[in-house]
N, C-alpha and C. Protein backbone atom coordinates (compact mmCIF):
# COMPACT_ATOMS: atom_id res chain seq x y z
N MET A 1 -7.47 14.98 -51.10
CA MET A 1 -7.89 16.04 -50.87
C MET A 1 -7.76 17.16 -51.00
N THR A 2 -8.39 18.24 -50.55
CA THR A 2 -8.32 19.30 -51.37
C THR A 2 -7.51 20.61 -49.68
N ASN A 3 -6.57 21.11 -50.30
CA ASN A 3 -5.94 22.23 -49.13
C ASN A 3 -6.31 23.13 -49.04
N TYR A 4 -7.00 23.85 -48.51
CA TYR A 4 -7.09 24.88 -48.84
C TYR A 4 -5.80 25.81 -47.44
N LYS A 5 -5.58 26.92 -48.24
CA LYS A 5 -4.74 27.65 -47.80
C LYS A 5 -5.64 29.55 -47.05
N ILE A 6 -5.79 29.18 -46.19
CA ILE A 6 -6.68 29.99 -45.45
C ILE A 6 -5.50 30.54 -44.39
N ASN A 7 -5.27 32.65 -44.52
CA ASN A 7 -4.19 33.06 -43.81
C ASN A 7 -4.80 34.01 -43.42
N MET A 8 -5.52 34.25 -42.47
CA MET A 8 -5.91 35.36 -41.73
C MET A 8 -4.85 37.47 -41.59
N GLY A 9 -3.57 36.26 -41.81
CA GLY A 9 -2.08 37.07 -41.77
C GLY A 9 -2.17 38.59 -40.55
N ARG A 10 -2.06 39.71 -41.23
CA ARG A 10 -1.95 40.74 -40.49
C ARG A 10 -3.35 41.27 -40.13
N GLY A 11 -4.03 41.59 -40.88
CA GLY A 11 -5.46 41.53 -40.65
C GLY A 11 -6.43 41.56 -39.64
N PHE A 12 -6.47 39.75 -39.26
CA PHE A 12 -6.82 39.61 -37.89
C PHE A 12 -5.44 39.70 -37.04
N LYS A 13 -4.86 39.67 -37.06
CA LYS A 13 -3.54 40.03 -35.79
C LYS A 13 -3.43 41.27 -35.21
N ALA A 14 -4.25 42.57 -36.26
CA ALA A 14 -3.76 43.50 -35.87
C ALA A 14 -5.66 43.93 -35.62
N THR A 15 -6.17 43.39 -35.63
CA THR A 15 -7.66 43.31 -35.88
C THR A 15 -7.72 43.13 -34.08
N THR A 16 -7.11 41.66 -33.66
CA THR A 16 -7.23 41.49 -32.34
C THR A 16 -6.48 41.95 -31.45
N LEU A 17 -4.82 43.03 -31.84
CA LEU A 17 -4.76 43.50 -31.00
C LEU A 17 -4.94 45.08 -31.54
N LEU A 18 -5.81 45.50 -31.85
CA LEU A 18 -7.01 46.79 -32.12
C LEU A 18 -7.94 46.17 -30.47
N LEU A 19 -8.73 45.24 -30.31
CA LEU A 19 -9.56 44.67 -29.83
C LEU A 19 -8.97 44.91 -28.51
N VAL A 20 -7.73 44.34 -28.12
CA VAL A 20 -7.22 43.97 -26.76
C VAL A 20 -6.98 45.54 -26.48
N MET A 21 -6.25 46.44 -27.40
CA MET A 21 -5.68 47.75 -26.66
C MET A 21 -7.27 48.28 -26.15
N SER A 22 -8.44 48.15 -27.43
CA SER A 22 -9.68 48.54 -26.71
C SER A 22 -10.12 48.29 -25.49
N ALA A 23 -9.74 47.60 -25.21
CA ALA A 23 -10.53 46.87 -24.06
C ALA A 23 -9.67 47.55 -22.53
N CYS A 24 -7.81 47.60 -22.70
CA CYS A 24 -7.50 47.74 -21.45
C CYS A 24 -7.70 49.69 -21.48
N ILE A 25 -7.72 49.88 -23.04
CA ILE A 25 -8.38 51.67 -22.36
C ILE A 25 -9.21 51.38 -22.18
N LEU A 26 -10.52 50.94 -22.13
CA LEU A 26 -11.57 51.19 -21.08
C LEU A 26 -11.51 50.23 -19.71
N LEU A 27 -10.36 49.60 -19.46
CA LEU A 27 -10.13 49.25 -18.01
C LEU A 27 -9.94 50.60 -17.59
N SER A 28 -8.44 50.81 -18.08
CA SER A 28 -7.85 52.31 -17.73
C SER A 28 -8.57 53.22 -17.80
N GLY A 29 -9.33 53.83 -18.79
CA GLY A 29 -10.29 54.65 -18.69
C GLY A 29 -11.21 54.66 -16.98
N CYS A 30 -11.85 53.44 -16.73
CA CYS A 30 -12.60 52.98 -15.06
C CYS A 30 -11.98 53.21 -14.84
N ALA A 31 -10.39 52.86 -14.75
CA ALA A 31 -9.75 53.00 -13.42
C ALA A 31 -9.53 54.32 -12.81
N GLY A 32 -9.73 55.14 -14.22
CA GLY A 32 -8.77 56.90 -13.89
C GLY A 32 -10.28 57.40 -13.53
N LYS A 33 -11.45 57.11 -13.30
CA LYS A 33 -12.04 57.60 -13.05
C LYS A 33 -12.90 57.44 -11.78
N ALA A 34 -12.16 55.86 -11.71
CA ALA A 34 -12.59 55.55 -9.91
C ALA A 34 -11.36 56.49 -9.04
N GLN A 35 -10.62 56.62 -9.59
CA GLN A 35 -9.22 57.53 -8.68
C GLN A 35 -9.26 58.76 -8.71
N THR A 36 -10.20 59.28 -9.47
CA THR A 36 -11.00 61.01 -9.68
C THR A 36 -12.31 60.89 -9.19
N GLY A 37 -12.15 60.30 -7.90
CA GLY A 37 -13.38 60.16 -7.41
C GLY A 37 -13.75 61.39 -6.44
N THR A 38 -14.54 61.59 -5.60
CA THR A 38 -13.93 61.64 -4.04
C THR A 38 -14.19 60.69 -3.52
N GLN A 39 -12.67 60.75 -2.69
CA GLN A 39 -11.93 59.84 -2.22
C GLN A 39 -12.79 59.81 -0.61
N GLY A 40 -12.85 60.09 -0.05
CA GLY A 40 -13.58 60.62 1.23
C GLY A 40 -14.24 60.01 1.98
N ASN A 41 -15.43 59.72 0.50
CA ASN A 41 -16.54 58.77 0.67
C ASN A 41 -16.53 57.50 -0.40
N ALA A 42 -15.00 56.88 -0.46
CA ALA A 42 -15.54 55.77 -1.64
C ALA A 42 -15.00 54.22 -0.76
N PRO A 43 -15.15 53.44 -0.54
CA PRO A 43 -15.29 52.65 0.18
C PRO A 43 -14.15 51.83 0.48
N ALA A 44 -13.41 51.38 1.64
CA ALA A 44 -12.33 50.68 1.15
C ALA A 44 -12.62 49.36 0.32
N PRO A 45 -10.57 49.22 -0.79
CA PRO A 45 -11.22 48.21 -1.39
C PRO A 45 -11.98 46.42 -1.07
N GLY A 46 -13.17 45.93 -1.96
CA GLY A 46 -12.92 44.61 -1.13
C GLY A 46 -14.59 45.09 -0.12
N LYS A 47 -14.92 46.40 0.54
CA LYS A 47 -15.91 46.37 1.74
C LYS A 47 -17.14 46.73 0.78
N GLY A 48 -17.49 47.39 0.29
CA GLY A 48 -18.51 48.05 -0.78
C GLY A 48 -18.69 49.14 0.67
N SER A 49 -20.17 49.31 -0.07
CA SER A 49 -20.74 50.31 0.91
C SER A 49 -21.56 49.82 2.09
N ALA A 50 -22.08 50.95 2.67
CA ALA A 50 -22.82 50.34 3.62
C ALA A 50 -24.15 49.92 3.56
N ALA A 51 -24.90 50.75 2.21
CA ALA A 51 -25.82 50.36 2.21
C ALA A 51 -25.02 48.70 0.95
N THR A 52 -24.60 48.23 0.18
CA THR A 52 -24.18 46.93 -0.19
C THR A 52 -24.25 45.89 0.99
N ASN A 53 -23.46 46.36 1.87
CA ASN A 53 -23.09 45.64 3.09
C ASN A 53 -24.09 45.25 3.73
N GLN A 54 -25.52 46.12 3.80
CA GLN A 54 -27.12 45.49 4.82
C GLN A 54 -26.89 44.64 3.35
N ASN A 55 -27.57 44.78 2.22
CA ASN A 55 -28.20 43.85 1.43
C ASN A 55 -27.78 42.30 1.06
N ASN A 56 -26.38 43.24 0.74
CA ASN A 56 -25.44 41.63 0.37
C ASN A 56 -24.24 41.33 1.46
N THR A 57 -24.59 40.52 2.54
CA THR A 57 -23.15 40.68 3.46
C THR A 57 -21.90 39.97 2.83
N GLY A 58 -22.51 39.00 1.58
CA GLY A 58 -20.99 38.80 0.90
C GLY A 58 -20.15 39.69 0.25
N GLY A 59 -20.44 41.23 -0.18
CA GLY A 59 -19.63 42.20 -0.34
C GLY A 59 -19.99 41.59 -1.73
N GLN A 60 -19.02 42.36 -2.36
CA GLN A 60 -19.20 42.51 -4.48
C GLN A 60 -18.90 41.14 -4.46
N PRO A 61 -18.43 40.50 -4.23
CA PRO A 61 -18.09 39.32 -4.91
C PRO A 61 -19.06 38.68 -5.56
N GLU A 62 -19.78 38.53 -4.52
CA GLU A 62 -21.43 37.90 -4.90
C GLU A 62 -22.28 38.64 -5.34
N GLN A 63 -21.60 39.69 -5.52
CA GLN A 63 -22.77 40.66 -6.46
C GLN A 63 -22.37 40.59 -7.78
N GLN A 64 -21.49 40.20 -8.09
CA GLN A 64 -20.92 40.17 -9.79
C GLN A 64 -21.17 38.29 -9.83
N LYS A 65 -21.66 37.32 -8.71
CA LYS A 65 -21.64 36.16 -9.32
C LYS A 65 -23.11 35.81 -9.68
N LYS A 66 -23.91 37.04 -9.52
CA LYS A 66 -25.26 37.01 -9.51
C LYS A 66 -26.04 37.30 -10.90
N ALA A 67 -24.56 38.45 -11.45
CA ALA A 67 -24.75 38.91 -12.33
C ALA A 67 -25.24 38.63 -13.58
N VAL A 68 -24.34 36.86 -14.11
CA VAL A 68 -24.58 36.11 -15.18
C VAL A 68 -25.18 34.95 -14.58
N SER A 69 -26.68 34.73 -14.97
CA SER A 69 -26.79 33.57 -15.10
C SER A 69 -26.47 32.26 -15.21
N GLU A 70 -27.01 31.33 -14.84
CA GLU A 70 -26.32 29.93 -15.00
C GLU A 70 -26.91 29.48 -16.51
N THR A 71 -27.56 30.26 -17.70
CA THR A 71 -27.69 29.78 -18.80
C THR A 71 -27.64 31.31 -20.17
N GLU A 72 -27.31 32.19 -19.42
CA GLU A 72 -26.98 33.42 -20.42
C GLU A 72 -25.76 33.18 -21.02
N GLY A 73 -25.99 32.98 -22.82
CA GLY A 73 -25.11 33.17 -23.74
C GLY A 73 -25.19 31.51 -23.54
N LEU A 74 -25.67 30.64 -23.22
CA LEU A 74 -25.39 29.24 -23.63
C LEU A 74 -26.60 29.06 -24.69
N PRO A 75 -26.02 27.76 -25.87
CA PRO A 75 -27.29 27.98 -26.53
C PRO A 75 -28.08 26.91 -25.35
N SER A 76 -29.46 26.09 -26.39
CA SER A 76 -30.29 25.07 -25.57
C SER A 76 -29.51 23.88 -25.35
N GLY A 77 -30.06 23.83 -23.67
CA GLY A 77 -29.79 22.30 -23.17
C GLY A 77 -28.39 22.54 -23.09
N VAL A 78 -27.98 23.22 -22.69
CA VAL A 78 -26.38 23.30 -22.23
C VAL A 78 -26.50 23.92 -21.15
N LYS A 79 -25.80 23.10 -19.66
CA LYS A 79 -25.49 23.64 -18.87
C LYS A 79 -24.19 24.12 -18.26
N VAL A 80 -23.98 24.95 -17.10
CA VAL A 80 -22.14 24.66 -16.55
C VAL A 80 -22.31 23.47 -15.70
N GLN A 81 -20.84 22.89 -16.33
CA GLN A 81 -20.96 21.24 -15.57
C GLN A 81 -20.42 22.21 -14.29
N LYS A 82 -18.72 22.59 -14.46
CA LYS A 82 -18.22 23.44 -13.46
C LYS A 82 -16.93 24.44 -13.18
N VAL A 83 -16.77 24.82 -12.16
CA VAL A 83 -16.09 26.39 -12.63
C VAL A 83 -14.50 26.48 -12.43
N LEU A 84 -13.89 26.35 -13.56
CA LEU A 84 -12.70 26.08 -13.96
C LEU A 84 -11.04 26.91 -12.98
N LYS A 85 -12.23 28.25 -13.59
CA LYS A 85 -11.29 29.11 -12.69
C LYS A 85 -12.32 30.13 -12.17
N ASP A 86 -12.29 31.39 -11.23
CA ASP A 86 -12.96 32.51 -10.95
C ASP A 86 -11.74 33.06 -10.17
N ILE A 87 -11.67 33.92 -10.76
CA ILE A 87 -10.33 35.28 -10.46
C ILE A 87 -11.35 36.83 -10.34
N SER A 88 -10.06 36.97 -9.15
CA SER A 88 -10.52 38.92 -9.40
C SER A 88 -9.24 39.30 -10.62
N LEU A 89 -9.63 40.48 -11.49
CA LEU A 89 -8.75 41.35 -11.62
C LEU A 89 -8.72 42.51 -11.18
N LYS A 90 -7.43 43.53 -12.32
CA LYS A 90 -7.14 44.34 -11.87
C LYS A 90 -8.45 45.78 -11.93
N ASN A 91 -8.48 46.42 -11.04
CA ASN A 91 -9.72 47.27 -10.60
C ASN A 91 -10.87 46.71 -10.41
N ASN A 92 -11.39 45.85 -9.56
CA ASN A 92 -12.26 45.00 -9.38
C ASN A 92 -13.31 44.40 -10.21
N TYR A 93 -12.55 44.21 -12.01
CA TYR A 93 -13.25 43.36 -12.42
C TYR A 93 -12.62 41.78 -12.07
N HIS A 94 -14.08 40.81 -12.72
CA HIS A 94 -13.82 39.22 -12.32
C HIS A 94 -14.22 38.82 -13.44
N LYS A 95 -13.00 37.49 -13.19
CA LYS A 95 -13.08 36.67 -14.75
C LYS A 95 -12.99 35.43 -13.93
N LYS A 96 -14.74 34.84 -15.33
CA LYS A 96 -14.90 33.31 -14.56
C LYS A 96 -14.85 32.81 -14.98
N VAL A 97 -14.42 31.15 -15.48
CA VAL A 97 -14.13 30.38 -16.63
C VAL A 97 -14.92 28.93 -16.26
N GLU A 98 -15.84 28.81 -17.43
CA GLU A 98 -16.64 27.52 -16.45
C GLU A 98 -16.73 26.69 -17.66
N LEU A 99 -16.62 25.11 -17.16
CA LEU A 99 -16.47 24.02 -18.34
C LEU A 99 -17.69 23.88 -18.13
N LEU A 100 -18.71 23.59 -20.17
CA LEU A 100 -20.18 23.66 -20.03
C LEU A 100 -19.95 21.88 -20.64
N THR A 101 -21.80 21.71 -20.58
CA THR A 101 -21.84 20.02 -20.48
C THR A 101 -21.72 19.49 -21.95
N ASP A 102 -21.64 20.79 -22.88
CA ASP A 102 -20.78 20.44 -24.21
C ASP A 102 -19.69 20.05 -24.74
N GLY A 103 -19.14 20.71 -23.59
CA GLY A 103 -17.46 20.34 -23.92
C GLY A 103 -16.78 21.59 -24.25
N GLY A 104 -17.72 22.62 -24.67
CA GLY A 104 -16.90 24.15 -24.21
C GLY A 104 -16.72 24.99 -23.18
N LYS A 105 -16.74 25.71 -23.14
CA LYS A 105 -15.85 27.06 -21.59
C LYS A 105 -16.59 27.81 -22.45
N ARG A 106 -17.49 28.55 -21.44
CA ARG A 106 -17.61 29.81 -20.63
C ARG A 106 -16.99 31.05 -20.32
N ILE A 107 -16.97 31.49 -20.57
CA ILE A 107 -15.59 33.15 -19.96
C ILE A 107 -16.76 34.16 -20.18
N THR A 108 -16.00 34.60 -19.08
CA THR A 108 -17.16 36.04 -18.38
C THR A 108 -16.60 37.01 -17.69
N ILE A 109 -16.12 37.85 -18.14
CA ILE A 109 -15.75 39.28 -17.40
C ILE A 109 -16.65 40.45 -17.16
N THR A 110 -16.85 40.34 -15.92
CA THR A 110 -17.55 41.43 -15.12
C THR A 110 -16.61 42.55 -14.09
N ASP A 111 -17.87 43.80 -14.90
CA ASP A 111 -17.28 45.17 -14.12
C ASP A 111 -17.32 45.29 -12.79
N PRO A 112 -16.98 46.10 -12.07
CA PRO A 112 -17.10 45.63 -10.28
C PRO A 112 -18.15 46.02 -10.04
N ASN A 113 -19.41 46.12 -10.61
CA ASN A 113 -20.55 46.49 -10.41
C ASN A 113 -21.17 45.40 -10.69
N GLY A 114 -20.71 44.60 -11.20
CA GLY A 114 -21.32 43.25 -11.86
C GLY A 114 -21.77 43.46 -12.97
N GLY A 115 -21.79 44.47 -13.79
CA GLY A 115 -22.43 44.13 -15.32
C GLY A 115 -21.01 43.50 -16.03
N LEU A 116 -21.94 42.31 -17.11
CA LEU A 116 -20.89 42.62 -17.58
C LEU A 116 -20.68 42.89 -19.17
N VAL A 117 -19.76 42.54 -19.31
CA VAL A 117 -18.08 43.07 -19.55
C VAL A 117 -18.28 42.14 -21.13
N LEU A 118 -17.78 40.92 -20.75
CA LEU A 118 -17.20 39.66 -21.98
C LEU A 118 -18.19 38.52 -21.59
N LEU A 119 -18.66 37.67 -22.91
CA LEU A 119 -19.00 36.47 -22.47
C LEU A 119 -19.10 35.91 -23.70
N ASN A 120 -17.83 35.19 -23.67
CA ASN A 120 -17.95 34.15 -24.85
C ASN A 120 -18.10 32.96 -24.62
N LEU A 121 -18.15 32.13 -25.78
CA LEU A 121 -17.73 30.35 -25.72
C LEU A 121 -16.53 30.13 -26.59
N GLU A 122 -15.53 29.02 -26.08
CA GLU A 122 -14.74 28.97 -26.43
C GLU A 122 -14.84 27.06 -26.24
N TYR A 123 -14.21 26.47 -27.95
CA TYR A 123 -14.04 25.41 -28.21
C TYR A 123 -13.16 25.06 -28.67
N GLU A 124 -12.63 24.08 -28.29
CA GLU A 124 -11.21 22.86 -29.30
C GLU A 124 -11.84 21.93 -28.76
N GLY A 125 -10.52 21.20 -30.36
CA GLY A 125 -10.56 19.92 -30.21
C GLY A 125 -10.10 19.82 -31.94
N THR A 126 -10.51 18.25 -31.91
CA THR A 126 -9.29 17.61 -33.53
C THR A 126 -10.55 17.68 -34.20
N ILE A 127 -10.51 17.69 -35.92
CA ILE A 127 -11.37 17.88 -36.85
C ILE A 127 -11.32 16.41 -37.11
N LEU A 128 -12.82 15.78 -37.27
CA LEU A 128 -12.91 14.07 -37.99
C LEU A 128 -13.53 14.34 -39.33
N GLU A 129 -14.57 15.09 -39.32
CA GLU A 129 -15.11 15.44 -41.11
C GLU A 129 -15.26 16.33 -41.42
N VAL A 130 -15.55 16.99 -42.72
CA VAL A 130 -15.38 17.66 -43.26
C VAL A 130 -16.13 17.74 -44.56
N SER A 131 -17.02 18.77 -44.96
CA SER A 131 -17.39 18.85 -45.44
C SER A 131 -17.91 20.28 -46.50
N GLY A 132 -16.78 20.95 -46.56
CA GLY A 132 -17.09 21.76 -47.30
C GLY A 132 -16.43 22.95 -46.08
N ARG A 133 -17.02 23.82 -45.56
CA ARG A 133 -16.57 24.86 -44.54
C ARG A 133 -17.83 23.91 -43.56
N LYS A 134 -18.67 23.03 -43.85
CA LYS A 134 -19.26 22.23 -42.04
C LYS A 134 -18.50 21.36 -41.79
N VAL A 135 -17.87 21.59 -40.23
CA VAL A 135 -16.72 20.05 -39.70
C VAL A 135 -17.11 19.99 -38.73
N THR A 136 -17.00 18.84 -38.48
CA THR A 136 -17.75 17.78 -37.24
C THR A 136 -16.12 17.70 -35.93
N VAL A 137 -15.75 18.35 -34.96
CA VAL A 137 -14.84 18.45 -34.04
C VAL A 137 -15.09 17.04 -33.43
N GLN A 138 -13.90 16.36 -32.61
CA GLN A 138 -14.25 16.04 -30.73
C GLN A 138 -13.58 16.86 -30.17
N LEU A 139 -14.33 17.16 -29.51
CA LEU A 139 -13.78 18.01 -28.67
C LEU A 139 -12.81 17.55 -27.30
N ASP A 140 -12.17 18.99 -26.80
CA ASP A 140 -10.86 18.49 -26.27
C ASP A 140 -11.76 17.48 -24.79
N HIS A 141 -12.64 18.62 -24.35
CA HIS A 141 -13.36 18.27 -22.83
C HIS A 141 -14.77 17.58 -23.61
N GLY A 142 -14.98 16.59 -24.34
CA GLY A 142 -16.33 15.36 -24.64
C GLY A 142 -16.61 15.84 -25.23
N GLY A 143 -17.19 15.05 -26.19
CA GLY A 143 -18.70 15.36 -27.01
C GLY A 143 -17.84 15.42 -28.78
N GLN A 144 -18.83 15.99 -29.30
CA GLN A 144 -18.24 15.62 -30.66
C GLN A 144 -19.20 17.40 -30.88
N GLN A 145 -19.04 18.39 -32.13
CA GLN A 145 -19.87 19.26 -32.37
C GLN A 145 -19.46 19.50 -33.81
N THR A 146 -20.40 19.79 -34.95
CA THR A 146 -20.29 20.37 -35.47
C THR A 146 -21.03 21.69 -35.84
N MET A 147 -20.05 22.56 -36.80
CA MET A 147 -20.48 23.54 -37.45
C MET A 147 -20.51 24.05 -38.39
N THR A 148 -21.02 24.95 -38.87
CA THR A 148 -20.59 25.77 -40.35
C THR A 148 -20.08 27.05 -40.50
N ILE A 149 -18.51 26.93 -41.01
CA ILE A 149 -17.60 28.50 -40.98
C ILE A 149 -18.29 29.51 -41.74
N PRO A 150 -18.76 30.53 -41.34
CA PRO A 150 -19.31 31.43 -42.46
C PRO A 150 -18.49 31.58 -43.76
N ASP A 151 -18.86 31.70 -44.59
CA ASP A 151 -18.34 32.16 -45.99
C ASP A 151 -17.23 33.38 -46.05
N ASN A 152 -18.19 34.39 -44.97
CA ASN A 152 -16.80 35.31 -44.63
C ASN A 152 -16.06 35.65 -44.19
N MET A 153 -15.97 34.24 -43.57
CA MET A 153 -14.93 33.81 -42.11
C MET A 153 -13.63 33.65 -42.00
N THR A 154 -12.41 34.32 -41.93
CA THR A 154 -11.20 34.27 -42.28
C THR A 154 -11.00 33.25 -41.67
N ILE A 155 -10.21 32.02 -42.02
CA ILE A 155 -9.81 30.89 -40.69
C ILE A 155 -7.63 31.53 -40.32
N GLU A 156 -7.94 31.72 -39.37
CA GLU A 156 -6.52 32.34 -38.81
C GLU A 156 -5.34 30.52 -39.43
N ASP A 157 -4.97 30.43 -40.33
CA ASP A 157 -4.07 28.88 -40.72
C ASP A 157 -2.49 29.78 -40.79
N ASP A 158 -2.09 30.12 -39.62
CA ASP A 158 -0.61 30.04 -39.96
C ASP A 158 0.63 28.81 -40.82
N ASP A 159 0.41 27.93 -40.53
CA ASP A 159 0.71 26.78 -40.36
C ASP A 159 0.12 25.75 -42.56
N ASN A 160 -0.40 26.69 -42.78
CA ASN A 160 -1.48 26.47 -44.02
C ASN A 160 -1.47 24.79 -43.63
N LEU A 161 -2.34 24.55 -42.78
CA LEU A 161 -2.92 23.08 -42.38
C LEU A 161 -4.31 22.93 -43.56
N GLY A 162 -5.04 23.82 -43.80
CA GLY A 162 -6.81 23.71 -44.27
C GLY A 162 -7.39 22.89 -43.23
N LEU A 163 -8.84 23.48 -43.89
CA LEU A 163 -9.88 21.96 -42.50
C LEU A 163 -9.51 20.61 -43.35
N ASN A 164 -8.65 20.09 -42.45
CA ASN A 164 -8.56 17.94 -42.97
C ASN A 164 -8.73 17.75 -41.48
N LYS A 165 -9.05 16.29 -42.11
CA LYS A 165 -9.45 15.06 -40.75
C LYS A 165 -8.12 15.37 -40.29
N GLY A 166 -8.10 15.14 -38.63
CA GLY A 166 -7.19 15.26 -37.48
C GLY A 166 -6.02 17.23 -37.16
N VAL A 167 -6.32 17.85 -38.04
CA VAL A 167 -6.32 19.36 -37.47
C VAL A 167 -6.57 19.71 -36.21
N GLU A 168 -6.39 20.59 -35.39
CA GLU A 168 -6.75 20.19 -34.63
C GLU A 168 -7.54 21.67 -34.67
N ILE A 169 -8.65 22.61 -33.64
CA ILE A 169 -9.75 23.62 -34.84
C ILE A 169 -9.04 24.25 -32.78
N GLU A 170 -9.60 25.70 -33.53
CA GLU A 170 -10.49 26.32 -32.04
C GLU A 170 -10.92 27.18 -32.37
N TRP A 171 -12.00 27.47 -31.61
CA TRP A 171 -12.79 28.58 -32.17
C TRP A 171 -13.91 29.41 -31.08
N THR A 172 -14.21 30.38 -31.75
CA THR A 172 -14.87 31.41 -30.52
C THR A 172 -16.33 31.72 -30.88
N VAL A 173 -17.42 31.74 -29.72
CA VAL A 173 -18.35 32.14 -30.45
C VAL A 173 -19.23 33.14 -29.20
N ASP A 174 -19.83 34.11 -30.14
CA ASP A 174 -20.30 35.55 -28.89
C ASP A 174 -21.81 34.61 -28.10
N ALA A 175 -22.46 35.69 -26.63
CA ALA A 175 -23.82 35.21 -26.83
C ALA A 175 -24.46 35.12 -27.39
N ASP A 176 -24.50 35.72 -28.97
CA ASP A 176 -25.97 35.32 -29.62
C ASP A 176 -25.62 34.36 -30.80
N GLY A 177 -24.32 33.43 -30.12
CA GLY A 177 -24.47 32.40 -31.18
C GLY A 177 -23.57 32.52 -32.50
N ASN A 178 -22.99 33.41 -32.78
CA ASN A 178 -22.08 33.59 -34.04
C ASN A 178 -20.75 33.45 -33.60
N ILE A 179 -19.73 33.05 -34.66
CA ILE A 179 -18.60 32.67 -34.50
C ILE A 179 -18.44 33.68 -34.59
N GLN A 180 -16.79 34.36 -33.74
CA GLN A 180 -16.13 34.93 -34.15
C GLN A 180 -14.81 35.35 -34.62
N ASN A 181 -14.24 33.49 -34.53
CA ASN A 181 -12.72 33.73 -35.07
C ASN A 181 -12.97 32.20 -34.81
N VAL A 182 -11.99 31.71 -35.89
CA VAL A 182 -11.40 30.20 -35.86
C VAL A 182 -10.09 30.00 -36.37
N GLU A 183 -9.70 29.33 -35.36
CA GLU A 183 -8.55 28.90 -35.59
C GLU A 183 -7.78 27.50 -35.92
N LEU A 184 -6.73 27.22 -36.12
CA LEU A 184 -6.11 25.94 -37.09
C LEU A 184 -4.85 25.58 -36.19
N ASP A 185 -4.39 25.23 -35.57
CA ASP A 185 -3.23 24.61 -35.08
C ASP A 185 -2.63 23.18 -35.42
N ASP A 186 -1.41 22.66 -35.43
CA ASP A 186 -0.86 21.73 -35.70
C ASP A 186 -0.60 20.61 -34.41
């Protein structure tokens, strides 16, 4: 059996850290603008404006739920099976984690206006078969999935496990269906 040594090392971790820091800066920038606005006209948190309440009796959380359609970012034929987590974040942002019928999870984050900030699909499971960079995985939440890891994609493999049968694998897919990262665990 071929033992692949694929290590992202500091480059991937630095990129991940940079993305997290950028998101934090973005979120804190939005909060800063909201705090420096005219506070006399600002609605109380969670209340919305009078116009918003006339059009939407449920307030802002209802607006946010409508921002992402049931099929947005999902592969053809895949549907939301159930909501795993639906929480409010800092600065009126909203996070929703949904279990999908193909065994993955859809993670969405929306801003206070209901606009989409992040949409990712996450999958995790155990490798069943490997043929080069084509991998068949038994997903933790049911079903199997076969994917081809792009040649230019670096696989995070801190324990040097390689793409081998029985190794746990996690990957994230963006709204366009592109694999964003792959990680191997023991």
